Amino acid sequence: MRRKVYALAAVLFTVSCLLSACSLSGNTAQGGPNEPQVLNLVVDSEPPNLDSATLIDGTSITVLNNVMEGLMRLDKDNKPVPAMAVDFPEISPDKKTYTFKIRDAKWSDGEPVKAQDFEYAWKRALDPKTKSEYAYILYPIKNAEEYNQGKVSANKVGVKALDDSTLQVKLKEPIPYFLSLTAFATYFPQREDIIKKYGKQYAKDPDKMVYNGPFVLSRWEHDQGLQYRKNDEYWDKNNVYLTEVNVKIVPDSTQAMSLYTSGQVDVAPLDDNLVEVFKNNKEYLPVTRGSTYYIIFNTDDAFLANKNIRKAISLAIDRDDLVKDVLKNGSEPAGGVVPPSIMGYNNQSFRDQAPAQPDYDPVLAKQYFEKGLKELGLSAPPSNLTLMVYDDDRKKVAVAIQEQLETNLGLKVAIDPKPFKQKLNLEKKGYFEMSIGRWVGDYNDPMTFLDVWKSDSAVNFGDWKNPDFDRLIDRSKKTTNYQERNENLIKAEKMLINDAALAPLYYESKSFVQKTYVHNLVRHPIGPEYSLKWAYIKGKAKQ
């Protein structure tokens, strides 16, 4: 701890120099067009899986967003625009059939990108043998769910390459966000020959995959860092300016800030101790994500299977305290699972249409807790309950929750920090009691936050089940009455919170510092965290 305090003190001293004009970088005149186009970044965790058919985590999705490309890509305004598709698709009058024309594009090894690469990738993700937790995101496609559940054969799935450059997609029902889905990682193409060549080693290292995006992975030192290089085979390479991006994996924000102040990286996350220091500085960058943090309850655990115990834990958490006194980064207290940036009916914020539900109420929490203990035949709670959390700066949130639960409920909780990849694996296997989780929207619709909690969802790690909730979600996926759909989704979220399937914590915002010579590093509220495609360096050479 003392070592970290010294490190923070050193960072604060350097920051004070930066803010008082004793800058280490000299003058700030704009540089010329011949500057080296090299960007240096930090991330807080290793990408666990770069196979687009099986990944489920945000870190991996962000990496793939920069080295791969789907039919559509999110643009600078976070709208889906043609990417591997040469234009927007032809859509049938009933809005159930989409016909895409594939542009003249190449993989990084010079082979052409074909419509068959999309058909293969989507059907591979749906194949029951693949065991993809994200297969459900392909379920809008006709017979996709049925194939994934082993009820029909692959040739019944509504995706077909009519020829090398024509892909036809048939949907179960019209949905308003399908084009956004095609920009998501699970919808990326894959080469069958490459998958077969490397087998289980596919995408484990940079040389065991091929790329069709703006960059390729040129180096991947596991748990240390990775490097992107410009993809010379990319169809739009003339609009890609960076030649190299170096990414260090640094879980600790104080260490990341030291790298920033010493000029080793160009962008870094801000520790809560530094947000106020930088708020009025030109390098300060607040970012709002379409993501929610929450506590997942393992409902297969006898104690946490009790709804009143779960409700008590949720009501005993002071979310205002978490965001104002612990995080201090612009995050907002969460009263639901869908964050304010996600749109509902009539292009209005879903959050404005669905009232917030759980409030901090320690008195009511105690009542629910005592009721739950009585139902379980217990005179006292178990003494060995654990709360799993990311082994990085997010531990401080767990510490605050630990204190609140002991103060308000007399519930003692042990904090169990785990590296990101290990934490995810334990959640998948159900080897936890409570865990602080995070969900980032895959597309701009409430469904991306709600269908996670269906009984048959592979990412419903808490194994919560409610048939009424399932029916509301299924009904919402089938109706073409979008106002009625919205009302059903509001009911579904209310059911989710009232049943305490989870305890919402906060809607995420992040604060960064970014050098002024870094331009057009586009950050997305949904899906991948950022896109490097349009980024460039200008002004660094003369600083």
Protein backbone atom coordinates (compact mmCIF):
# COMPACT_ATOMS: atom_id res chain seq x y z
CA MET A 1 0.00 0.00 0.00
CA ARG A 2 2.84 2.40 0.92
CA ARG A 3 4.41 1.78 -2.48
CA LYS A 4 1.16 2.75 -4.23
CA VAL A 5 0.89 5.94 -2.13
CA TYR A 6 4.41 6.93 -3.17
CA ALA A 7 3.57 6.21 -6.80
CA LEU A 8 0.43 8.35 -6.58
CA ALA A 9 2.39 11.16 -4.94
CA ALA A 10 4.89 11.09 -7.79
CA VAL A 11 2.08 11.21 -10.32
CA LEU A 12 0.45 14.15 -8.51
CA PHE A 13 3.76 16.05 -8.55
CA THR A 14 4.20 15.47 -12.26
CA VAL A 15 0.58 16.43 -12.91
CA SER A 16 1.04 19.67 -10.99
CA CYS A 17 3.95 20.48 -13.29
CA LEU A 18 1.87 19.70 -16.35
CA LEU A 19 -0.95 21.94 -15.19
CA SER A 20 1.30 24.82 -14.14
CA ALA A 21 3.02 25.12 -17.53
CA CYS A 22 6.31 23.42 -16.55
CA SER A 23 5.30 20.84 -19.16
CA LEU A 24 7.75 18.15 -20.13
CA SER A 25 6.63 18.45 -23.74
CA GLY A 26 7.62 22.00 -24.65
CA ASN A 27 5.53 24.12 -27.02
CA THR A 28 2.17 22.96 -28.41
CA ALA A 29 2.41 24.12 -32.01
CA GLN A 30 0.64 21.94 -34.54
CA GLY A 31 2.81 19.41 -36.31
CA GLY A 32 3.00 18.67 -39.99
CA PRO A 33 1.58 15.82 -42.03
CA ASN A 34 4.81 13.81 -41.95
CA GLU A 35 4.71 13.00 -38.24
CA PRO A 36 5.06 9.34 -37.25
CA GLN A 37 1.56 7.90 -36.96
CA VAL A 38 2.14 5.86 -33.82
CA LEU A 39 -0.36 5.76 -30.95
CA ASN A 40 0.37 4.35 -27.48
CA LEU A 41 -2.48 3.16 -25.26
CA VAL A 42 -3.15 1.24 -22.06
CA VAL A 43 -5.94 -1.23 -21.27
CA ASP A 44 -6.75 -2.79 -17.93
CA SER A 45 -7.06 -6.43 -18.98
CA GLU A 46 -5.97 -9.12 -21.40
CA PRO A 47 -8.41 -10.02 -24.21
CA PRO A 48 -9.50 -13.56 -23.20
CA ASN A 49 -10.75 -14.71 -26.61
CA LEU A 50 -10.41 -13.37 -30.15
CA ASP A 51 -12.61 -15.99 -31.80
CA SER A 52 -15.67 -13.97 -32.83
CA ALA A 53 -17.85 -17.10 -32.69
CA THR A 54 -17.21 -17.70 -28.98
CA LEU A 55 -16.15 -14.43 -27.31
CA ILE A 56 -18.43 -12.66 -24.82
CA ASP A 57 -16.28 -9.94 -23.19
CA GLY A 58 -15.87 -6.26 -24.00
CA THR A 59 -12.08 -6.26 -24.11
CA SER A 60 -11.97 -8.88 -26.86
CA ILE A 61 -14.82 -7.18 -28.74
CA THR A 62 -12.84 -3.92 -28.79
CA VAL A 63 -9.73 -5.63 -30.17
CA LEU A 64 -11.71 -7.41 -32.88
CA ASN A 65 -13.48 -4.19 -33.83
CA ASN A 66 -10.13 -2.81 -34.91
CA VAL A 67 -8.79 -5.85 -36.78
CA MET A 68 -12.02 -7.23 -38.24
CA GLU A 69 -15.07 -5.82 -39.98
CA GLY A 70 -18.67 -6.91 -40.46
CA LEU A 71 -21.26 -6.00 -43.04
CA MET A 72 -21.71 -2.71 -41.18
CA ARG A 73 -19.43 -0.67 -38.93
CA LEU A 74 -20.34 1.90 -36.28
CA ASP A 75 -19.26 5.31 -37.59
CA LYS A 76 -18.10 8.41 -35.72
CA ASP A 77 -21.72 9.13 -34.74
CA ASN A 78 -22.28 5.52 -33.62
CA LYS A 79 -24.57 4.79 -36.57
CA PRO A 80 -24.20 1.59 -38.64
CA VAL A 81 -22.72 2.37 -42.07
CA PRO A 82 -21.69 0.03 -44.90
CA ALA A 83 -18.37 -1.72 -44.31
CA MET A 84 -17.89 -5.16 -45.93
CA ALA A 85 -21.26 -4.46 -47.54
CA VAL A 86 -20.76 -2.11 -50.46
CA ASP A 87 -23.99 -0.26 -49.59
CA PHE A 88 -27.05 -0.53 -47.37
CA PRO A 89 -28.95 -3.76 -48.11
CA GLU A 90 -32.01 -4.24 -50.21
CA ILE A 91 -34.87 -4.90 -47.76
CA SER A 92 -38.08 -6.72 -48.70
CA PRO A 93 -41.46 -4.97 -48.17
CA ASP A 94 -42.21 -7.14 -45.11
CA LYS A 95 -38.77 -6.16 -43.68
CA LYS A 96 -37.85 -9.80 -43.16
CA THR A 97 -35.36 -10.35 -46.00
CA TYR A 98 -32.09 -8.41 -46.31
CA THR A 99 -29.88 -8.78 -49.36
CA PHE A 100 -26.30 -7.51 -48.98
CA LYS A 101 -23.74 -7.01 -51.73
CA ILE A 102 -20.19 -7.71 -50.52
CA ARG A 103 -17.61 -5.17 -51.66
CA ASP A 104 -14.34 -6.02 -53.38
CA ALA A 105 -12.31 -6.52 -50.20
CA LYS A 106 -9.44 -8.77 -49.15
CA TRP A 107 -8.27 -10.59 -46.06
CA SER A 108 -4.82 -9.75 -44.71
CA ASP A 109 -3.34 -12.71 -46.62
CA GLY A 110 -4.69 -11.35 -49.92
CA GLU A 111 -7.62 -13.75 -50.27
CA PRO A 112 -10.99 -12.16 -51.21
CA VAL A 113 -13.68 -11.66 -48.58
CA LYS A 114 -16.71 -13.63 -49.73
CA ALA A 115 -20.36 -13.90 -48.80
CA GLN A 116 -19.61 -17.52 -47.83
CA ASP A 117 -17.31 -16.24 -45.05
CA PHE A 118 -20.33 -14.66 -43.36
CA GLU A 119 -22.57 -17.68 -43.81
CA TYR A 120 -19.86 -19.94 -42.39
CA ALA A 121 -19.11 -17.70 -39.39
CA TRP A 122 -22.73 -17.23 -38.37
CA LYS A 123 -23.57 -20.91 -38.69
CA ARG A 124 -20.40 -21.85 -36.82
CA ALA A 125 -21.42 -19.61 -33.90
CA LEU A 126 -24.87 -21.23 -33.94
CA ASP A 127 -23.59 -24.79 -34.21
CA PRO A 128 -24.43 -26.52 -30.88
CA LYS A 129 -20.92 -28.08 -30.94
CA THR A 130 -19.35 -24.60 -30.77
CA LYS A 131 -21.09 -23.91 -27.43
CA SER A 132 -21.12 -20.17 -28.03
CA GLU A 133 -22.57 -18.17 -25.13
CA TYR A 134 -23.34 -15.39 -27.59
CA ALA A 135 -25.22 -17.55 -30.10
CA TYR A 136 -28.47 -15.94 -28.97
CA ILE A 137 -27.49 -12.62 -30.57
CA LEU A 138 -28.02 -14.37 -33.93
CA TYR A 139 -31.51 -15.55 -32.96
CA PRO A 140 -33.33 -12.82 -34.96
CA ILE A 141 -32.35 -14.87 -38.04
CA LYS A 142 -34.92 -17.41 -39.17
CA ASN A 143 -34.33 -20.86 -37.62
CA ALA A 144 -31.14 -19.69 -35.91
CA GLU A 145 -32.43 -20.53 -32.44
CA GLU A 146 -33.83 -23.85 -33.64
CA TYR A 147 -30.46 -24.84 -35.13
CA ASN A 148 -28.60 -23.78 -32.00
CA GLN A 149 -30.92 -26.00 -29.97
CA GLY A 150 -30.44 -28.95 -32.30
CA LYS A 151 -34.01 -28.92 -33.66
CA VAL A 152 -33.19 -28.26 -37.33
CA SER A 153 -30.17 -28.64 -39.61
CA ALA A 154 -27.80 -25.82 -40.60
CA ASN A 155 -29.29 -25.51 -44.08
CA LYS A 156 -32.56 -24.31 -42.54
CA VAL A 157 -30.91 -21.21 -41.04
CA GLY A 158 -31.96 -18.02 -42.84
CA VAL A 159 -28.51 -16.97 -44.06
CA LYS A 160 -27.26 -17.98 -47.50
CA ALA A 161 -24.49 -16.94 -49.86
CA LEU A 162 -26.26 -16.66 -53.21
CA ASP A 163 -22.86 -16.20 -54.83
CA ASP A 164 -19.42 -14.91 -53.78
CA SER A 165 -20.66 -11.34 -53.46
CA THR A 166 -24.32 -11.71 -52.44
CA LEU A 167 -25.54 -12.59 -48.94
CA GLN A 168 -29.24 -13.09 -48.24
CA VAL A 169 -30.52 -12.97 -44.67
CA LYS A 170 -34.07 -13.92 -43.65
CA LEU A 171 -35.38 -12.84 -40.24
CA LYS A 172 -38.02 -14.41 -38.04
CA GLU A 173 -39.72 -11.06 -37.55
CA PRO A 174 -38.85 -7.46 -38.46
CA ILE A 175 -36.63 -5.87 -35.82
CA PRO A 176 -35.62 -2.19 -35.72
CA TYR A 177 -31.94 -2.78 -34.88
CA PHE A 178 -30.80 -5.52 -37.26
CA LEU A 179 -28.28 -3.35 -39.13
CA SER A 180 -26.63 -2.47 -35.80
CA LEU A 181 -26.34 -6.19 -35.06
CA THR A 182 -24.34 -6.73 -38.24
CA ALA A 183 -21.67 -4.38 -36.86
CA PHE A 184 -21.25 -6.59 -33.77
CA ALA A 185 -18.38 -9.08 -33.38
CA THR A 186 -20.46 -12.28 -33.52
CA TYR A 187 -21.60 -11.20 -37.01
CA PHE A 188 -18.03 -10.82 -38.31
CA PRO A 189 -16.90 -13.15 -41.15
CA GLN A 190 -14.52 -16.08 -40.65
CA ARG A 191 -12.47 -18.15 -43.08
CA GLU A 192 -13.31 -21.83 -42.95
CA ASP A 193 -9.88 -22.86 -44.21
CA ILE A 194 -8.13 -20.88 -41.46
CA ILE A 195 -10.38 -22.29 -38.73
CA LYS A 196 -9.69 -25.83 -39.94
CA LYS A 197 -5.96 -25.18 -40.26
CA TYR A 198 -5.48 -24.03 -36.66
CA GLY A 199 -8.32 -25.86 -34.92
CA LYS A 200 -8.41 -25.16 -31.17
CA GLN A 201 -5.39 -22.85 -31.55
CA TYR A 202 -7.32 -20.48 -33.84
CA ALA A 203 -7.04 -16.84 -32.65
CA LYS A 204 -4.79 -17.78 -29.71
CA ASP A 205 -1.90 -15.83 -31.25
CA PRO A 206 -1.62 -13.15 -33.97
CA ASP A 207 -0.30 -15.57 -36.60
CA LYS A 208 -3.16 -18.02 -36.07
CA MET A 209 -5.87 -15.87 -37.63
CA VAL A 210 -6.43 -13.56 -40.59
CA TYR A 211 -7.88 -10.05 -40.58
CA ASN A 212 -10.19 -8.00 -42.78
CA GLY A 213 -10.29 -4.79 -40.72
CA PRO A 214 -8.23 -1.58 -40.66
CA PHE A 215 -5.43 -3.17 -38.62
CA VAL A 216 -3.76 -6.52 -38.02
CA LEU A 217 -2.33 -7.81 -34.76
CA SER A 218 1.43 -7.84 -35.24
CA ARG A 219 2.32 -8.78 -31.66
CA TRP A 220 0.48 -10.20 -28.65
CA GLU A 221 2.47 -10.74 -25.48
CA HIS A 222 -0.10 -12.33 -23.21
CA ASP A 223 -0.86 -10.32 -20.04
CA GLN A 224 1.74 -7.74 -21.13
CA GLY A 225 0.51 -5.98 -24.24
CA LEU A 226 -0.28 -6.13 -27.92
CA GLN A 227 0.48 -4.21 -31.08
CA TYR A 228 -1.64 -3.25 -34.07
CA ARG A 229 -0.21 -2.43 -37.49
CA LYS A 230 -2.05 -0.92 -40.43
CA ASN A 231 -3.58 -3.57 -42.70
CA ASP A 232 -2.25 -2.90 -46.19
CA GLU A 233 -4.95 -5.15 -47.68
CA TYR A 234 -7.84 -3.22 -46.10
CA TRP A 235 -10.30 -1.86 -48.66
CA ASP A 236 -10.35 1.63 -47.10
CA LYS A 237 -6.65 1.83 -46.19
CA ASN A 238 -6.31 5.34 -47.67
CA ASN A 239 -8.49 6.64 -44.81
CA VAL A 240 -6.49 4.84 -42.12
CA TYR A 241 -3.67 7.07 -40.86
CA LEU A 242 -2.09 5.26 -37.93
CA THR A 243 0.67 2.87 -38.94
CA GLU A 244 1.19 1.38 -35.48
CA VAL A 245 -0.69 1.20 -32.17
CA ASN A 246 1.06 -0.12 -29.06
CA VAL A 247 -1.15 -1.24 -26.18
CA LYS A 248 0.17 -1.98 -22.69
CA ILE A 249 -1.94 -4.09 -20.31
CA VAL A 250 -1.92 -2.18 -17.02
CA PRO A 251 -4.64 -3.04 -14.43
CA ASP A 252 -3.57 -0.29 -12.01
CA SER A 253 -4.64 3.26 -12.94
CA THR A 254 -1.87 4.87 -10.89
CA GLN A 255 0.72 2.98 -12.90
CA ALA A 256 -1.12 3.88 -16.11
CA MET A 257 -1.03 7.55 -15.12
CA SER A 258 2.71 7.32 -14.46
CA LEU A 259 3.17 6.03 -18.00
CA TYR A 260 1.09 8.95 -19.28
CA THR A 261 2.93 11.68 -17.38
CA SER A 262 6.28 10.24 -18.45
CA GLY A 263 5.18 10.33 -22.09
CA GLN A 264 5.15 6.55 -22.62
CA VAL A 265 1.43 6.44 -23.47
CA ASP A 266 -0.86 8.99 -25.10
CA VAL A 267 -4.12 8.11 -23.35
CA ALA A 268 -4.76 6.86 -19.80
CA PRO A 269 -7.71 6.34 -17.44
CA LEU A 270 -7.96 8.75 -14.55
CA ASP A 271 -7.86 7.54 -10.97
CA ASP A 272 -10.62 9.11 -8.84
CA ASN A 273 -7.93 11.06 -6.96
CA LEU A 274 -7.03 12.87 -10.19
CA VAL A 275 -10.43 13.57 -11.76
CA GLU A 276 -10.87 16.87 -9.92
CA VAL A 277 -7.28 17.87 -10.71
CA PHE A 278 -7.77 17.43 -14.45
CA LYS A 279 -11.40 18.47 -14.89
CA ASN A 280 -10.58 21.89 -16.30
CA ASN A 281 -7.56 20.77 -18.29
CA LYS A 282 -7.62 20.51 -22.08
CA GLU A 283 -6.41 16.90 -21.84
CA TYR A 284 -9.40 15.82 -19.73
CA LEU A 285 -11.82 13.50 -21.54
CA PRO A 286 -15.08 12.27 -19.91
CA VAL A 287 -16.68 9.29 -21.65
CA THR A 288 -20.17 7.91 -21.10
CA ARG A 289 -20.64 4.23 -21.87
CA GLY A 290 -23.88 2.39 -22.52
CA SER A 291 -23.02 0.01 -19.72
CA THR A 292 -24.23 -0.96 -16.26
CA TYR A 293 -22.42 -2.43 -13.27
CA TYR A 294 -24.37 -4.69 -10.96
CA ILE A 295 -24.06 -7.51 -8.45
CA ILE A 296 -24.87 -10.93 -9.89
CA PHE A 297 -26.42 -13.30 -7.37
CA ASN A 298 -25.81 -17.02 -7.82
CA THR A 299 -29.37 -18.23 -7.27
CA ASP A 300 -28.14 -21.84 -7.11
CA ASP A 301 -26.66 -20.94 -3.73
CA ALA A 302 -29.14 -21.86 -0.95
CA PHE A 303 -28.80 -18.52 0.85
CA LEU A 304 -29.00 -16.34 -2.25
CA ALA A 305 -31.84 -18.37 -3.74
CA ASN A 306 -34.09 -16.51 -1.29
CA LYS A 307 -35.60 -13.45 -2.99
CA ASN A 308 -35.93 -11.48 0.24
CA ILE A 309 -32.23 -11.90 1.00
CA ARG A 310 -31.36 -10.61 -2.46
CA LYS A 311 -33.75 -7.66 -2.14
CA ALA A 312 -32.28 -6.81 1.26
CA ILE A 313 -28.75 -6.73 -0.15
CA SER A 314 -29.85 -4.47 -3.00
CA LEU A 315 -31.71 -2.05 -0.68
CA ALA A 316 -28.74 -1.91 1.71
CA ILE A 317 -26.40 -0.43 -0.93
CA ASP A 318 -26.04 3.35 -1.07
CA ARG A 319 -25.47 3.94 -4.77
CA ASP A 320 -25.11 7.71 -4.36
CA ASP A 321 -22.19 7.06 -2.03
CA LEU A 322 -20.59 4.74 -4.57
CA VAL A 323 -20.61 7.27 -7.41
CA LYS A 324 -19.95 10.47 -5.42
CA ASP A 325 -17.47 9.32 -2.79
CA VAL A 326 -15.86 6.23 -4.31
CA LEU A 327 -15.85 6.48 -8.11
CA LYS A 328 -15.97 10.28 -8.60
CA ASN A 329 -15.83 9.81 -12.37
CA GLY A 330 -19.26 10.92 -13.56
CA SER A 331 -20.96 7.53 -13.22
CA GLU A 332 -24.63 7.65 -12.19
CA PRO A 333 -26.49 5.59 -9.57
CA ALA A 334 -28.35 2.75 -11.30
CA GLY A 335 -32.07 2.31 -10.72
CA GLY A 336 -32.43 -0.33 -13.41
CA VAL A 337 -30.36 -2.47 -15.74
CA VAL A 338 -30.80 -0.35 -18.92
CA PRO A 339 -28.60 2.79 -18.88
CA PRO A 340 -29.86 6.28 -19.87
CA SER A 341 -27.99 6.31 -23.21
CA ILE A 342 -30.12 3.46 -24.60
CA MET A 343 -33.13 4.48 -26.68
CA GLY A 344 -36.65 3.07 -26.25
CA TYR A 345 -39.85 3.76 -28.12
CA ASN A 346 -40.03 6.80 -30.40
CA ASN A 347 -36.27 7.39 -30.07
CA GLN A 348 -36.59 8.55 -26.46
CA SER A 349 -34.38 7.34 -23.63
CA PHE A 350 -35.73 4.08 -22.25
CA ARG A 351 -34.71 5.27 -18.80
CA ASP A 352 -37.05 8.28 -19.08
CA GLN A 353 -39.92 5.90 -19.86
CA ALA A 354 -39.12 3.31 -17.17
CA PRO A 355 -38.97 4.67 -13.61
CA ALA A 356 -35.99 3.84 -11.42
CA GLN A 357 -36.76 1.21 -8.81
CA PRO A 358 -34.32 0.21 -6.06
CA ASP A 359 -33.65 2.97 -3.53
CA TYR A 360 -31.25 2.99 -0.63
CA ASP A 361 -33.45 2.05 2.31
CA PRO A 362 -31.53 0.39 5.16
CA VAL A 363 -34.62 0.08 7.36
CA LEU A 364 -36.62 -1.78 4.72
CA ALA A 365 -33.49 -3.76 3.82
CA LYS A 366 -33.24 -5.01 7.41
CA GLN A 367 -36.89 -6.06 7.34
CA TYR A 368 -36.43 -8.05 4.14
CA PHE A 369 -33.25 -9.58 5.54
CA GLU A 370 -34.92 -10.77 8.74
CA LYS A 371 -37.84 -12.14 6.73
CA GLY A 372 -35.45 -14.03 4.47
CA LEU A 373 -33.50 -15.48 7.39
CA LYS A 374 -36.76 -16.67 8.95
CA GLU A 375 -37.84 -18.31 5.68
CA LEU A 376 -34.48 -20.11 5.55
CA GLY A 377 -34.71 -21.19 9.19
CA LEU A 378 -31.58 -19.23 10.09
CA SER A 379 -30.89 -17.15 13.18
CA ALA A 380 -27.89 -15.49 11.55
CA PRO A 381 -26.47 -15.16 8.02
CA PRO A 382 -23.59 -17.40 6.86
CA SER A 383 -20.17 -16.12 7.82
CA ASN A 384 -18.36 -17.07 4.62
CA LEU A 385 -20.26 -15.20 1.85
CA THR A 386 -17.91 -13.90 -0.86
CA LEU A 387 -18.11 -11.07 -3.39
CA MET A 388 -15.98 -11.64 -6.47
CA VAL A 389 -14.60 -8.56 -8.21
CA TYR A 390 -12.09 -7.55 -10.88
CA ASP A 391 -8.54 -7.47 -9.54
CA ASP A 392 -7.98 -3.82 -10.41
CA ASP A 393 -9.19 -0.39 -9.27
CA ARG A 394 -12.78 -1.66 -9.13
CA LYS A 395 -11.89 -3.38 -5.84
CA LYS A 396 -12.63 -0.09 -4.09
CA VAL A 397 -16.30 -0.40 -5.08
CA ALA A 398 -16.38 -3.86 -3.51
CA VAL A 399 -14.81 -2.50 -0.31
CA ALA A 400 -17.50 0.18 -0.04
CA ILE A 401 -20.26 -2.41 -0.59
CA GLN A 402 -18.63 -4.70 1.97
CA GLU A 403 -18.79 -1.92 4.59
CA GLN A 404 -22.39 -1.01 3.74
CA LEU A 405 -23.66 -4.58 3.98
CA GLU A 406 -22.01 -5.13 7.35
CA THR A 407 -23.29 -1.81 8.70
CA ASN A 408 -26.86 -2.11 7.41
CA LEU A 409 -27.47 -5.86 7.60
CA GLY A 410 -24.78 -7.29 9.83
CA LEU A 411 -23.77 -9.33 6.78
CA LYS A 412 -20.04 -10.02 6.60
CA VAL A 413 -18.73 -10.40 3.07
CA ALA A 414 -15.25 -11.43 1.99
CA ILE A 415 -13.90 -9.73 -1.13
CA ASP A 416 -12.50 -12.14 -3.71
CA PRO A 417 -10.47 -10.26 -6.38
CA LYS A 418 -9.73 -12.16 -9.58
CA PRO A 419 -7.99 -11.30 -12.88
CA PHE A 420 -10.52 -10.57 -15.60
CA LYS A 421 -10.11 -13.81 -17.55
CA GLN A 422 -10.23 -16.00 -14.44
CA LYS A 423 -13.25 -14.13 -13.10
CA LEU A 424 -15.14 -14.65 -16.35
CA ASN A 425 -14.35 -18.38 -16.37
CA LEU A 426 -15.56 -18.78 -12.79
CA GLU A 427 -18.80 -16.95 -13.60
CA LYS A 428 -19.41 -19.18 -16.62
CA LYS A 429 -19.03 -22.28 -14.43
CA GLY A 430 -21.17 -20.86 -11.61
CA TYR A 431 -18.27 -20.97 -9.15
CA PHE A 432 -19.18 -17.85 -7.18
CA GLU A 433 -21.74 -16.54 -4.69
CA MET A 434 -21.93 -12.85 -5.55
CA SER A 435 -19.95 -11.13 -8.29
CA ILE A 436 -19.67 -7.54 -9.50
CA GLY A 437 -20.42 -7.73 -13.21
CA ARG A 438 -20.65 -5.29 -16.09
CA TRP A 439 -22.75 -5.40 -19.22
CA VAL A 440 -22.08 -3.18 -22.23
CA GLY A 441 -24.88 -2.83 -24.76
CA ASP A 442 -24.21 -4.62 -28.02
CA TYR A 443 -26.64 -2.39 -29.91
CA ASN A 444 -28.81 0.61 -29.09
CA ASP A 445 -31.96 -1.10 -27.81
CA PRO A 446 -33.12 -2.16 -24.31
CA MET A 447 -33.27 -5.78 -25.47
CA THR A 448 -29.48 -6.02 -25.36
CA PHE A 449 -29.62 -5.58 -21.56
CA LEU A 450 -32.76 -7.59 -20.87
CA ASP A 451 -32.57 -10.83 -22.84
CA VAL A 452 -29.34 -11.62 -20.98
CA TRP A 453 -31.54 -12.68 -18.05
CA LYS A 454 -33.72 -15.19 -19.87
CA SER A 455 -33.75 -18.64 -18.30
CA ASP A 456 -31.97 -20.20 -21.28
CA SER A 457 -29.40 -17.42 -21.77
CA ALA A 458 -25.83 -18.73 -21.70
CA VAL A 459 -24.68 -15.46 -20.09
CA ASN A 460 -27.27 -15.56 -17.30
CA PHE A 461 -24.48 -16.55 -14.92
CA GLY A 462 -26.65 -16.22 -11.81
CA ASP A 463 -29.06 -18.84 -13.21
CA TRP A 464 -32.10 -16.74 -12.26
CA LYS A 465 -35.30 -18.06 -13.79
CA ASN A 466 -38.74 -16.52 -14.17
CA PRO A 467 -41.16 -17.91 -16.80
CA ASP A 468 -43.21 -14.69 -16.83
CA PHE A 469 -40.08 -12.68 -17.63
CA ASP A 470 -39.19 -15.13 -20.41
CA ARG A 471 -42.66 -14.75 -21.96
CA LEU A 472 -42.42 -10.94 -21.94
CA ILE A 473 -39.04 -11.04 -23.69
CA ASP A 474 -40.24 -13.57 -26.27
CA ARG A 475 -43.39 -11.52 -26.92
CA SER A 476 -41.28 -8.37 -27.35
CA LYS A 477 -39.11 -10.10 -29.95
CA LYS A 478 -42.09 -11.17 -32.05
CA THR A 479 -44.35 -8.11 -32.09
CA THR A 480 -44.20 -5.45 -34.78
CA ASN A 481 -46.11 -3.02 -32.55
CA TYR A 482 -43.12 -1.13 -31.19
CA GLN A 483 -45.07 0.84 -28.58
CA GLU A 484 -46.48 -2.39 -27.14
CA ARG A 485 -42.99 -3.88 -27.33
CA ASN A 486 -41.60 -1.01 -25.29
CA GLU A 487 -44.30 -1.43 -22.65
CA ASN A 488 -43.46 -5.12 -22.36
CA LEU A 489 -39.76 -4.34 -21.96
CA ILE A 490 -40.56 -1.86 -19.18
CA LYS A 491 -42.58 -4.57 -17.42
CA ALA A 492 -39.75 -7.06 -17.92
CA GLU A 493 -37.15 -4.77 -16.36
CA LYS A 494 -39.46 -4.04 -13.42
CA MET A 495 -39.89 -7.79 -12.88
CA LEU A 496 -36.12 -8.27 -13.05
CA ILE A 497 -35.51 -5.67 -10.35
CA ASN A 498 -38.47 -6.57 -8.13
CA ASP A 499 -37.33 -10.19 -8.10
CA ALA A 500 -33.77 -9.01 -7.34
CA ALA A 501 -32.21 -11.12 -10.08
CA LEU A 502 -29.40 -8.59 -9.72
CA ALA A 503 -28.58 -5.52 -7.66
CA PRO A 504 -27.93 -2.57 -10.02
CA LEU A 505 -25.00 -0.42 -8.91
CA TYR A 506 -24.16 2.33 -11.40
CA TYR A 507 -24.30 3.41 -15.02
CA GLU A 508 -20.71 3.65 -16.11
CA SER A 509 -18.80 6.74 -17.07
CA LYS A 510 -15.05 6.93 -17.38
CA SER A 511 -12.59 9.77 -17.25
CA PHE A 512 -9.41 9.80 -19.31
CA VAL A 513 -6.53 12.07 -20.07
CA GLN A 514 -5.62 12.23 -23.74
CA LYS A 515 -2.80 14.14 -25.39
CA THR A 516 -4.01 17.02 -27.53
CA TYR A 517 -2.13 15.66 -30.53
CA VAL A 518 -4.39 12.58 -30.61
CA HIS A 519 -7.32 13.19 -32.96
CA ASN A 520 -10.43 11.20 -33.96
CA LEU A 521 -9.99 8.33 -31.55
CA VAL A 522 -13.70 7.50 -31.71
CA ARG A 523 -15.30 6.16 -28.54
CA HIS A 524 -18.55 4.21 -28.68
CA PRO A 525 -21.24 4.03 -25.99
CA ILE A 526 -22.27 0.54 -27.16
CA GLY A 527 -20.38 -2.47 -28.47
CA PRO A 528 -16.61 -1.89 -28.76
CA GLU A 529 -15.07 0.74 -26.54
CA TYR A 530 -13.30 2.57 -29.36
CA SER A 531 -12.39 2.58 -33.05
CA LEU A 532 -8.87 3.32 -34.25
CA LYS A 533 -9.79 3.54 -37.93
CA TRP A 534 -10.06 7.34 -38.12
CA ALA A 535 -7.47 8.26 -35.47
CA TYR A 536 -4.33 10.23 -36.34
CA ILE A 537 -1.44 12.10 -34.70
CA LYS A 538 -0.98 15.79 -35.40
CA GLY A 539 0.99 18.28 -33.31
CA LYS A 540 3.24 15.90 -31.41
CA ALA A 541 6.37 16.56 -33.46
CA LYS A 542 6.75 20.18 -32.29
CA GLN A 543 5.81 19.63 -28.64
